[in-house]
Amino acid sequence: MGATAQVPLEGGAADGGVVTVELDAHGRPPLVHPHLGDGGLAKAEMYELESVLDDGPPWVYRWRGPAS
């Protein structure tokens, strides 16, 4: 396993949680994080990566929410 980072989750059912993700070759987390609940992958809540400061750490996964 390569380098990892802990990224907080904001919004949705997992609000306040933290996930550990593997960083890519450029030192960035995956662009999306599917948070699995009781409904499995089909009903996973999707979180999108955002950078808190410009283009680097710290990062946060923000809940995408339902399509409107």
N, C-alpha and C. Protein backbone atom coordinates (compact mmCIF):
# COMPACT_ATOMS: atom_id res chain seq x y z
N MET A 1 0.85 -1.17 0.00
CA MET A 1 0.00 0.00 0.00
C MET A 1 0.90 1.23 0.00
N GLY A 2 0.48 2.25 -0.78
CA GLY A 2 1.24 3.48 -0.87
C GLY A 2 0.91 4.42 0.28
N ALA A 3 1.22 5.67 0.09
CA ALA A 3 0.93 6.69 1.09
C ALA A 3 -0.57 6.86 1.24
N THR A 4 -0.99 7.18 2.44
CA THR A 4 -2.41 7.37 2.73
C THR A 4 -2.64 8.73 3.38
N ALA A 5 -3.91 9.14 3.40
CA ALA A 5 -4.31 10.37 4.08
C ALA A 5 -5.67 10.13 4.72
N GLN A 6 -5.91 10.82 5.81
CA GLN A 6 -7.23 10.79 6.43
C GLN A 6 -7.98 12.03 5.96
N VAL A 7 -9.17 11.81 5.40
CA VAL A 7 -9.95 12.89 4.83
C VAL A 7 -11.31 12.91 5.51
N PRO A 8 -11.72 14.06 6.08
CA PRO A 8 -13.02 14.15 6.73
C PRO A 8 -14.17 14.17 5.71
N LEU A 9 -15.33 13.71 6.16
CA LEU A 9 -16.55 13.72 5.36
C LEU A 9 -17.46 14.83 5.88
N GLU A 10 -18.02 15.62 4.96
CA GLU A 10 -18.93 16.70 5.35
C GLU A 10 -20.25 16.54 4.65
N GLY A 11 -21.34 16.57 5.42
CA GLY A 11 -22.69 16.44 4.88
C GLY A 11 -23.11 14.99 4.81
N GLY A 12 -24.37 14.78 4.46
CA GLY A 12 -24.91 13.44 4.31
C GLY A 12 -24.91 12.64 5.60
N ALA A 13 -25.16 11.36 5.47
CA ALA A 13 -25.27 10.47 6.63
C ALA A 13 -23.94 10.28 7.35
N ALA A 14 -22.82 10.45 6.65
CA ALA A 14 -21.51 10.21 7.25
C ALA A 14 -20.86 11.50 7.76
N ASP A 15 -21.62 12.58 7.85
CA ASP A 15 -21.08 13.87 8.28
C ASP A 15 -20.30 13.73 9.59
N GLY A 16 -19.09 14.27 9.60
CA GLY A 16 -18.25 14.19 10.78
C GLY A 16 -17.33 12.99 10.81
N GLY A 17 -17.53 12.06 9.90
CA GLY A 17 -16.67 10.88 9.83
C GLY A 17 -15.36 11.20 9.13
N VAL A 18 -14.45 10.26 9.19
CA VAL A 18 -13.14 10.40 8.53
C VAL A 18 -12.84 9.08 7.83
N VAL A 19 -12.33 9.16 6.61
CA VAL A 19 -11.93 7.96 5.87
C VAL A 19 -10.44 8.02 5.59
N THR A 20 -9.81 6.86 5.56
CA THR A 20 -8.41 6.76 5.18
C THR A 20 -8.37 6.29 3.74
N VAL A 21 -7.73 7.08 2.89
CA VAL A 21 -7.67 6.77 1.46
C VAL A 21 -6.22 6.71 1.00
N GLU A 22 -5.99 5.93 -0.05
CA GLU A 22 -4.66 5.83 -0.62
C GLU A 22 -4.45 6.98 -1.61
N LEU A 23 -3.29 7.58 -1.57
CA LEU A 23 -2.97 8.69 -2.46
C LEU A 23 -2.42 8.15 -3.78
N ASP A 24 -2.70 8.89 -4.86
CA ASP A 24 -2.20 8.46 -6.17
C ASP A 24 -0.74 8.87 -6.34
N ALA A 25 -0.20 8.66 -7.52
CA ALA A 25 1.21 8.96 -7.78
C ALA A 25 1.54 10.44 -7.63
N HIS A 26 0.52 11.29 -7.69
CA HIS A 26 0.72 12.74 -7.55
C HIS A 26 0.45 13.22 -6.12
N GLY A 27 0.18 12.27 -5.22
CA GLY A 27 -0.07 12.63 -3.82
C GLY A 27 -1.46 13.13 -3.54
N ARG A 28 -2.43 12.78 -4.39
CA ARG A 28 -3.82 13.23 -4.21
C ARG A 28 -4.73 12.03 -3.91
N PRO A 29 -5.77 12.27 -3.11
CA PRO A 29 -6.78 11.23 -2.86
C PRO A 29 -7.66 11.03 -4.09
N PRO A 30 -8.44 9.95 -4.12
CA PRO A 30 -9.41 9.76 -5.21
C PRO A 30 -10.38 10.95 -5.27
N LEU A 31 -10.88 11.24 -6.46
CA LEU A 31 -11.78 12.39 -6.64
C LEU A 31 -13.15 12.19 -5.99
N VAL A 32 -13.59 10.95 -5.87
CA VAL A 32 -14.87 10.66 -5.23
C VAL A 32 -14.70 9.55 -4.21
N HIS A 33 -15.59 9.55 -3.23
CA HIS A 33 -15.62 8.49 -2.23
C HIS A 33 -17.06 8.02 -2.09
N PRO A 34 -17.36 6.76 -2.45
CA PRO A 34 -18.70 6.23 -2.25
C PRO A 34 -18.83 5.72 -0.81
N HIS A 35 -19.71 6.34 -0.02
CA HIS A 35 -19.91 5.91 1.35
C HIS A 35 -21.03 4.88 1.38
N LEU A 36 -20.67 3.64 1.74
CA LEU A 36 -21.64 2.55 1.72
C LEU A 36 -22.48 2.54 2.98
N GLY A 37 -23.78 2.40 2.80
CA GLY A 37 -24.71 2.27 3.91
C GLY A 37 -25.40 0.93 3.83
N ASP A 38 -26.59 0.85 4.38
CA ASP A 38 -27.35 -0.39 4.39
C ASP A 38 -27.74 -0.86 2.99
N GLY A 39 -27.87 0.07 2.05
CA GLY A 39 -28.30 -0.28 0.70
C GLY A 39 -27.19 -0.75 -0.21
N GLY A 40 -25.96 -0.85 0.30
CA GLY A 40 -24.84 -1.29 -0.52
C GLY A 40 -24.43 -0.23 -1.53
N LEU A 41 -23.68 -0.65 -2.53
CA LEU A 41 -23.15 0.27 -3.52
C LEU A 41 -24.25 0.97 -4.32
N ALA A 42 -25.36 0.27 -4.56
CA ALA A 42 -26.45 0.86 -5.34
C ALA A 42 -27.03 2.11 -4.66
N LYS A 43 -26.96 2.17 -3.34
CA LYS A 43 -27.51 3.32 -2.61
C LYS A 43 -26.43 4.08 -1.86
N ALA A 44 -25.20 3.96 -2.33
CA ALA A 44 -24.08 4.65 -1.68
C ALA A 44 -24.23 6.16 -1.82
N GLU A 45 -23.86 6.87 -0.77
CA GLU A 45 -23.82 8.33 -0.84
C GLU A 45 -22.46 8.72 -1.44
N MET A 46 -22.49 9.61 -2.40
CA MET A 46 -21.26 10.00 -3.08
C MET A 46 -20.72 11.31 -2.49
N TYR A 47 -19.44 11.29 -2.21
CA TYR A 47 -18.73 12.46 -1.69
C TYR A 47 -17.66 12.85 -2.70
N GLU A 48 -17.53 14.16 -2.95
CA GLU A 48 -16.55 14.67 -3.90
C GLU A 48 -15.42 15.36 -3.17
N LEU A 49 -14.21 15.16 -3.66
CA LEU A 49 -13.02 15.74 -3.05
C LEU A 49 -12.98 17.25 -3.29
N GLU A 50 -12.68 17.99 -2.24
CA GLU A 50 -12.44 19.42 -2.35
C GLU A 50 -11.17 19.74 -1.58
N SER A 51 -10.43 20.70 -2.08
CA SER A 51 -9.24 21.17 -1.39
C SER A 51 -9.63 22.36 -0.53
N VAL A 52 -9.21 22.36 0.72
CA VAL A 52 -9.52 23.46 1.61
C VAL A 52 -8.66 24.67 1.27
N LEU A 53 -7.41 24.45 0.90
CA LEU A 53 -6.49 25.53 0.56
C LEU A 53 -5.93 25.29 -0.84
N ASP A 54 -6.36 26.07 -1.80
CA ASP A 54 -5.88 25.98 -3.18
C ASP A 54 -6.01 24.57 -3.73
N ASP A 55 -4.88 23.91 -4.07
CA ASP A 55 -4.94 22.62 -4.76
C ASP A 55 -4.30 21.48 -3.97
N GLY A 56 -4.07 21.68 -2.67
CA GLY A 56 -3.41 20.62 -1.92
C GLY A 56 -4.06 20.37 -0.60
N PRO A 57 -3.39 19.60 0.23
CA PRO A 57 -3.97 19.32 1.53
C PRO A 57 -4.09 20.60 2.34
N PRO A 58 -4.99 20.68 3.27
CA PRO A 58 -5.92 19.60 3.62
C PRO A 58 -7.08 19.50 2.64
N TRP A 59 -7.62 18.27 2.56
CA TRP A 59 -8.77 17.99 1.71
C TRP A 59 -9.96 17.66 2.56
N VAL A 60 -11.13 17.67 1.91
CA VAL A 60 -12.38 17.25 2.54
C VAL A 60 -13.23 16.59 1.44
N TYR A 61 -13.97 15.56 1.83
CA TYR A 61 -14.97 14.98 0.93
C TYR A 61 -16.31 15.59 1.31
N ARG A 62 -16.95 16.29 0.35
CA ARG A 62 -18.24 16.93 0.59
C ARG A 62 -19.34 16.13 -0.10
N TRP A 63 -20.42 15.91 0.64
CA TRP A 63 -21.55 15.14 0.12
C TRP A 63 -22.11 15.81 -1.11
N ARG A 64 -22.31 15.04 -2.14
CA ARG A 64 -22.85 15.56 -3.40
C ARG A 64 -24.33 15.86 -3.28
N GLY A 65 -25.06 15.06 -2.53
CA GLY A 65 -26.52 15.27 -2.38
C GLY A 65 -27.28 14.73 -3.56
N PRO A 66 -28.59 14.68 -3.42
CA PRO A 66 -29.41 14.16 -4.53
C PRO A 66 -29.43 15.12 -5.70
N ALA A 67 -29.56 14.56 -6.88
CA ALA A 67 -29.67 15.40 -8.08
C ALA A 67 -30.98 16.17 -8.03
N SER A 68 -30.93 17.41 -8.42
CA SER A 68 -32.17 18.19 -8.39
C SER A 68 -32.69 18.48 -9.77
